[in-house]
Protein backbone atom coordinates (compact mmCIF):
# COMPACT_ATOMS: atom_id res chain seq x y z
CA MET A 1 58.41 2.20 34.03
CA LYS A 2 60.88 -0.64 34.83
CA SER A 3 63.99 -0.39 37.51
CA LYS A 4 67.19 -1.05 35.94
CA ASP A 5 69.19 -4.11 37.32
CA ASP A 6 70.82 -4.72 40.71
CA THR A 7 73.90 -2.39 39.01
CA GLY A 8 71.46 0.46 38.91
CA VAL A 9 70.40 0.04 42.75
CA ARG A 10 72.27 2.24 45.38
CA ILE A 11 71.96 1.35 48.86
CA THR A 12 74.29 3.25 51.98
CA GLY A 13 73.39 2.91 55.63
CA GLU A 14 73.53 0.62 58.70
CA ALA A 15 71.26 -1.77 59.53
CA THR A 16 71.18 -4.17 62.52
CA ALA A 17 68.92 -7.25 64.73
CA ASN A 18 68.98 -8.13 68.08
CA ASN A 19 66.64 -10.17 70.69
CA ARG A 20 65.68 -8.74 73.74
CA ARG A 21 63.58 -10.16 76.08
CA GLY A 22 62.83 -12.56 73.22
CA LYS A 23 61.71 -10.13 70.92
CA THR A 24 63.40 -9.50 67.82
CA ILE A 25 64.43 -5.64 66.96
CA TYR A 26 65.09 -4.49 63.47
CA ILE A 27 67.32 -1.08 63.53
CA TYR A 28 68.15 0.40 60.19
CA GLU A 29 68.77 3.82 58.42
CA LEU A 30 69.40 3.34 54.78
CA GLU A 31 69.44 5.44 51.91
CA VAL A 32 68.22 3.99 48.36
CA THR A 33 68.74 5.13 45.00
CA VAL A 34 67.36 3.18 42.23
CA LYS A 35 67.73 3.66 38.30
CA TYR A 36 64.79 3.89 35.90
CA ASP A 37 63.87 3.97 32.42
CA ALA A 38 60.79 5.25 31.61
CA GLU A 39 58.79 6.23 27.56
CA MET A 40 56.35 9.33 27.43
CA PRO A 41 53.64 9.10 25.75
CA ASP A 42 55.82 10.86 22.80
CA GLY A 43 57.70 7.71 22.66
CA LYS A 44 60.87 9.22 23.49
CA LYS A 45 62.71 7.56 26.24
CA HIS A 46 64.19 9.12 29.18
CA SER A 47 66.13 7.82 31.92
CA GLY A 48 67.02 9.20 35.96
CA THR A 49 66.66 8.21 39.59
CA ILE A 50 64.11 7.62 42.37
CA THR A 51 65.50 8.10 45.79
CA PHE A 52 64.45 7.87 49.37
CA PRO A 53 66.70 9.82 51.26
CA TYR A 54 65.92 8.00 54.60
CA ILE A 55 64.28 4.30 54.83
CA GLY A 56 64.39 3.77 59.07
CA GLU A 57 62.51 1.28 61.65
CA ASP A 58 60.68 4.42 62.85
CA THR A 59 59.09 5.52 59.71
CA GLU A 60 55.98 3.99 57.68
CA PRO A 61 56.26 3.37 54.20
CA ASP A 62 54.03 6.57 53.81
CA ASP A 63 56.20 8.35 55.17
CA TRP A 64 58.85 7.90 53.24
CA GLU A 65 60.21 11.07 51.44
CA LEU A 66 60.76 10.16 48.04
CA ARG A 67 62.73 12.22 45.28
CA VAL A 68 62.21 11.77 41.36
CA ALA A 69 65.18 13.31 39.08
CA CYS A 70 65.47 13.25 34.92
CA THR A 71 68.88 12.54 34.31
CA THR A 72 68.44 12.31 30.54
CA ALA A 73 71.44 14.10 28.62
CA GLY A 74 70.48 16.89 26.47
CA ALA A 75 67.03 17.28 27.84
CA SER A 76 65.73 20.53 28.81
CA GLU A 77 65.09 21.37 32.35
CA ASP A 78 61.39 21.74 31.50
CA THR A 79 61.36 18.46 29.90
CA LYS A 80 63.25 16.59 32.94
CA ASP A 81 60.91 18.37 35.38
CA THR A 82 58.03 16.97 33.20
CA VAL A 83 59.82 13.47 33.54
CA ALA A 84 60.07 13.59 36.94
CA LEU A 85 56.64 14.65 37.56
CA ALA A 86 55.27 11.58 35.25
CA VAL A 87 57.34 9.02 36.82
CA ARG A 88 55.96 10.55 40.37
CA LYS A 89 52.65 10.15 39.40
CA VAL A 90 53.19 6.40 38.11
CA ALA A 91 55.56 5.13 40.85
CA THR A 92 55.20 6.25 43.96
CA LYS A 93 52.49 4.50 45.30
CA ASP A 94 54.07 0.86 44.13
CA VAL A 95 57.72 1.66 44.62
CA ARG A 96 56.61 2.09 48.75
CA ALA A 97 55.20 -1.50 48.46
CA LYS A 98 58.03 -2.82 47.08
CA PHE A 99 60.75 -1.24 49.41
CA ALA A 100 58.18 -2.57 52.18
CA ASP A 101 58.19 -5.75 50.99
CA VAL A 102 61.77 -5.64 50.50
CA LEU A 103 62.74 -4.70 54.68
CA GLU A 104 60.67 -8.09 55.08
CA LEU A 105 63.08 -9.91 52.90
CA MET A 106 66.00 -7.87 54.66
CA ARG A 107 64.34 -9.96 58.12
CA GLU A 108 64.13 -13.15 56.35
CA HIS A 109 67.97 -13.06 55.33
CA PHE A 110 68.46 -12.30 59.28
CA ARG A 111 66.15 -15.16 60.43
CA CYS A 112 68.00 -17.86 57.46
CA HIS A 113 71.33 -17.10 58.85
CA THR A 114 70.05 -17.96 62.63
CA GLY A 115 67.97 -20.65 61.87
CA SER A 116 65.50 -19.01 64.14
CA SER A 117 63.20 -16.06 64.56
CA GLY A 118 65.62 -14.01 66.51
CA LEU A 119 69.36 -13.03 67.03
CA SER A 120 71.59 -10.97 69.16
CA ALA A 121 74.28 -8.95 68.10
CA SER A 122 76.78 -11.47 69.66
CA SER A 123 74.99 -14.58 68.00
CA LEU A 124 75.39 -13.17 64.43
CA PRO A 125 77.54 -15.73 62.11
CA PRO A 126 80.94 -15.06 60.73
CA GLY A 127 80.44 -12.58 58.11
CA VAL A 128 76.90 -11.13 58.66
CA THR A 129 77.63 -7.53 59.98
CA SER A 130 75.73 -4.44 59.55
CA GLN A 131 77.43 -4.02 56.33
CA ALA A 132 76.33 -7.54 55.32
CA THR A 133 72.33 -6.86 56.08
CA VAL A 134 72.77 -3.38 53.64
CA THR A 135 74.40 -5.70 50.79
CA ALA A 136 71.12 -8.17 51.47
CA VAL A 137 68.91 -5.15 51.01
CA ALA A 138 69.91 -4.88 47.72
CA GLN A 139 70.06 -8.24 46.76
CA ALA A 140 66.00 -8.11 48.48
CA VAL A 141 65.73 -5.14 46.03
CA LYS A 142 66.68 -6.90 43.17
CA LYS A 143 64.38 -10.00 43.72
CA SER A 144 61.28 -7.70 45.12
CA GLY A 145 61.66 -5.89 41.25
CA ASP A 146 61.01 -8.98 39.78
CA ALA A 147 57.80 -9.14 41.36
CA HIS A 148 56.36 -5.77 41.09
CA ASP A 149 55.90 -3.15 38.59
CA THR A 150 54.80 0.50 39.32
CA THR A 151 51.39 2.13 38.76
CA THR A 152 50.02 5.26 40.66
CA GLU A 153 50.79 8.15 43.07
CA ALA A 154 50.98 9.03 46.69
CA THR A 155 52.22 11.65 48.83
CA SER A 156 55.26 12.01 51.44
CA HIS A 157 56.51 13.67 54.02
CA THR A 158 59.29 13.14 56.76
CA ALA A 159 58.73 11.38 59.99
CA GLU A 160 61.06 11.18 62.58
CA ALA A 161 60.83 9.02 66.28
CA GLY A 162 60.70 12.06 68.56
CA SER A 163 60.46 15.78 67.60
CA SER A 164 62.84 17.15 70.87
CA SER A 165 67.30 17.29 71.10
CA LEU A 166 69.78 18.29 72.98
CA ASP A 167 73.29 19.18 73.00
CA ILE A 168 75.65 18.88 76.04
CA GLU A 169 79.28 20.06 76.56
CA GLU A 170 80.93 18.72 79.69
CA ARG A 171 84.64 18.78 80.38
CA PHE A 172 86.80 15.90 82.31
CA ALA A 173 90.34 15.92 83.74
CA THR A 174 91.22 13.27 81.43
CA SER A 175 92.33 11.66 78.07
CA PRO A 176 90.20 11.64 75.34
CA MET A 177 90.74 8.18 75.13
CA GLU A 178 90.49 7.26 78.70
CA LEU A 179 86.96 8.94 78.70
CA PHE A 180 86.44 7.31 75.07
CA GLN A 181 87.19 3.45 76.89
CA LEU A 182 84.98 4.09 79.98
CA LEU A 183 82.39 5.10 78.43
CA LEU A 184 82.70 1.44 76.48
CA ASP A 185 83.55 -0.59 79.64
CA GLY A 186 80.82 -2.70 81.16
CA ASN A 187 82.79 -2.68 84.60
CA ARG A 188 83.31 0.25 85.14
CA MET A 189 79.88 1.69 83.33
CA SER A 190 78.23 -0.54 85.98
CA MET A 191 79.94 1.44 88.88
CA VAL A 192 78.23 4.68 87.51
CA THR A 193 75.18 3.16 86.47
CA GLY A 194 74.40 0.41 88.96
CA GLY A 195 74.38 -2.32 86.47
CA ALA A 196 75.75 -2.16 82.80
CA LYS A 197 76.26 -4.51 79.80
CA ILE A 198 77.89 -3.01 76.92
CA GLU A 199 79.70 -4.78 73.50
CA LYS A 200 82.40 -2.85 72.55
CA ASN A 201 81.87 -3.71 68.81
CA VAL A 202 80.17 -1.81 65.88
CA GLY A 203 76.51 -3.43 66.11
CA GLY A 204 76.84 -4.60 69.97
CA ALA A 205 74.06 -4.04 72.37
CA PHE A 206 74.40 -2.01 75.57
CA SER A 207 72.22 -1.51 78.66
CA LEU A 208 72.67 0.70 81.28
CA PHE A 209 71.11 1.24 85.10
CA SER A 210 70.03 -2.66 84.71
CA GLY A 211 68.42 -2.27 81.72
CA ALA A 212 66.22 0.87 81.94
CA VAL A 213 68.36 2.37 78.89
CA THR A 214 69.26 -0.15 76.24
CA GLY A 215 70.25 0.19 72.49
CA PHE A 216 73.24 -0.20 69.90
CA THR A 217 76.53 0.97 68.92
CA THR A 218 76.48 2.06 65.24
CA GLU A 219 79.78 3.96 64.77
CA ILE A 220 83.20 3.99 66.60
CA THR A 221 86.16 6.07 65.77
CA GLU A 222 88.70 4.95 68.63
CA GLY A 223 89.15 7.98 70.99
CA LYS A 224 87.38 10.34 68.89
CA ARG A 225 83.58 9.32 68.49
CA ILE A 226 81.04 6.78 69.23
CA VAL A 227 77.07 6.56 67.51
CA GLN A 228 75.01 4.88 69.62
CA ARG A 229 70.76 4.24 68.87
CA TRP A 230 69.61 4.88 72.21
CA ARG A 231 66.28 4.38 74.08
CA PHE A 232 64.54 4.21 77.49
CA SER A 233 62.84 0.64 78.23
CA SER A 234 59.52 2.74 79.00
CA TRP A 235 59.60 4.10 75.37
CA ARG A 236 57.05 2.91 72.69
CA THR A 237 58.50 -0.47 71.19
CA GLY A 238 60.80 0.45 67.85
CA THR A 239 61.04 3.90 69.51
CA PHE A 240 64.84 4.88 69.34
CA SER A 241 67.08 8.45 69.77
CA THR A 242 70.43 8.37 68.36
CA VAL A 243 73.33 9.76 70.36
CA THR A 244 76.46 10.92 68.95
CA MET A 245 79.57 12.05 71.37
CA THR A 246 82.75 12.94 70.07
CA PHE A 247 86.23 13.67 72.43
CA LYS A 248 88.44 16.11 71.66
CA GLU A 249 91.85 17.40 73.80
CA HIS A 250 91.63 21.07 75.07
CA ASP A 251 94.06 22.53 77.43
CA GLY A 252 95.32 18.79 78.91
CA GLU A 253 91.30 18.18 79.38
CA THR A 254 88.41 16.22 77.13
CA VAL A 255 86.04 18.41 76.25
CA LEU A 256 83.13 15.48 75.45
CA CYS A 257 80.03 16.96 73.11
CA LEU A 258 76.87 15.03 73.40
CA LYS A 259 73.99 15.61 70.84
CA GLN A 260 71.05 13.55 70.93
CA VAL A 261 67.87 13.54 68.36
CA GLY A 262 64.67 11.79 68.39
CA ILE A 263 63.93 12.24 71.74
CA PRO A 264 60.20 12.08 72.76
CA ASP A 265 59.12 15.50 73.66
CA SER A 266 57.91 14.01 77.00
CA ASP A 267 61.12 12.93 77.92
CA LYS A 268 63.85 15.50 76.85
CA GLU A 269 64.49 16.66 80.61
CA ARG A 270 64.53 13.32 81.98
CA THR A 271 67.28 12.68 79.35
CA MET A 272 69.12 15.74 79.85
CA VAL A 273 69.30 15.18 84.00
CA GLY A 274 70.29 11.64 83.21
CA TRP A 275 73.11 12.44 81.48
CA ARG A 276 74.73 15.08 83.47
CA GLN A 277 73.90 14.42 86.73
CA ASN A 278 73.40 10.50 86.79
CA ILE A 279 76.24 9.41 84.20
CA PHE A 280 78.38 12.81 84.13
CA ALA A 281 78.61 13.47 87.55
CA ARG A 282 79.12 10.06 88.62
CA ILE A 283 82.10 9.93 86.04
CA ARG A 284 83.66 12.58 88.31
CA ALA A 285 83.01 11.46 91.62
CA ILE A 286 83.90 7.88 90.85
CA PHE A 287 86.98 8.12 88.88
CA GLY A 288 88.40 11.53 89.78
CA PHE A 289 88.00 13.52 86.50
CA GLY A 290 87.03 16.82 87.72
CA GLY A 291 85.72 18.93 85.08
CA ILE A 292 82.65 21.02 85.15
CA PRO A 293 79.48 21.42 82.48
CA MET A 294 80.04 23.47 79.87
CA GLY A 295 76.49 24.33 79.14
CA PHE A 296 74.24 23.36 76.66
C-alpha cells in the first residue's frame, strides 16, 4: 500500500509553539486524512482514506483514533469493508509511526525559523502563524512519506488531557463587546487577577494571577467568541484544557457562556471557584457591571 502525493494529504486544525521559562511548549489539534491506493491478493486495485480525526499534544501515537475507509467506485459494501479491514491490519502501526515523525518535523520547522530551540508567539517571523504550521505539517507528511512503508497492526482508542468539564453562564450589565475587550486586556485583567499579561492575537500567550494560570488563544471572533488553551501552572507539563467563551446580548445585558473541557478531575472544583469568585465576581465589583450568575 502506498500513500498518494501531497495532493492526497488533507490537514486541518491549529498549532502553536511558545517558550515559557526557557522551555518550548508545542500545542496542536490536527485532523489528518491521507488517500491511499491498495492492491488486494486477487490483483484488484482499490483506493480510500486513512484518517486521524484528532492528533493533539495531549495524546500519544498509540492513543490516536484511526479510521480507514475504502472509496472505490462500484465496489460492493462487503468489498469495501474487506479492503478497509485489510488496510487497517497492514497499515496501522507504521502509519502511526510516520505521523509521530511528522510531528518532530513540524518542531524542526519552528526551530529552523527561529534559529534556536524555542520561540514565543510574539517572536514568530513574518508569515509563521498557526496556519503556517499546518502547512508545515503537510510538507512534513510528504517528506516523511518518502521514508516509510506500511506493514503491521495496532489498536487504538481516544485519550484526553482530563476527563472533567464545566459549563458556566454569567450575566453582566454591559455590552458583549465591552466584556470581550476586557477579558483580552492585560491592564484591566491585572486589576482582576493581581497580575496579567495578554497578547490579543490568535496564537498569543496569556498569563493570569501572576503566572498561576497560563495558555494561548486559538480563536478570536470580535465581540462574540474566544477560544483558549488554558492550564494551571501546577498541572503536569503539556496538560491543557480548552476554554470556549461566547458573548450574547440579552435584555440589554451580556450573557457569557463558558465551556471548559479537559480539566483534570482533581481540579474541577478549584477551576469552577476560580472563574466564579476570583474572576467574574471581581469583574463585577471592580467595573460595576452588576449582573448575577445564571447556574451551571
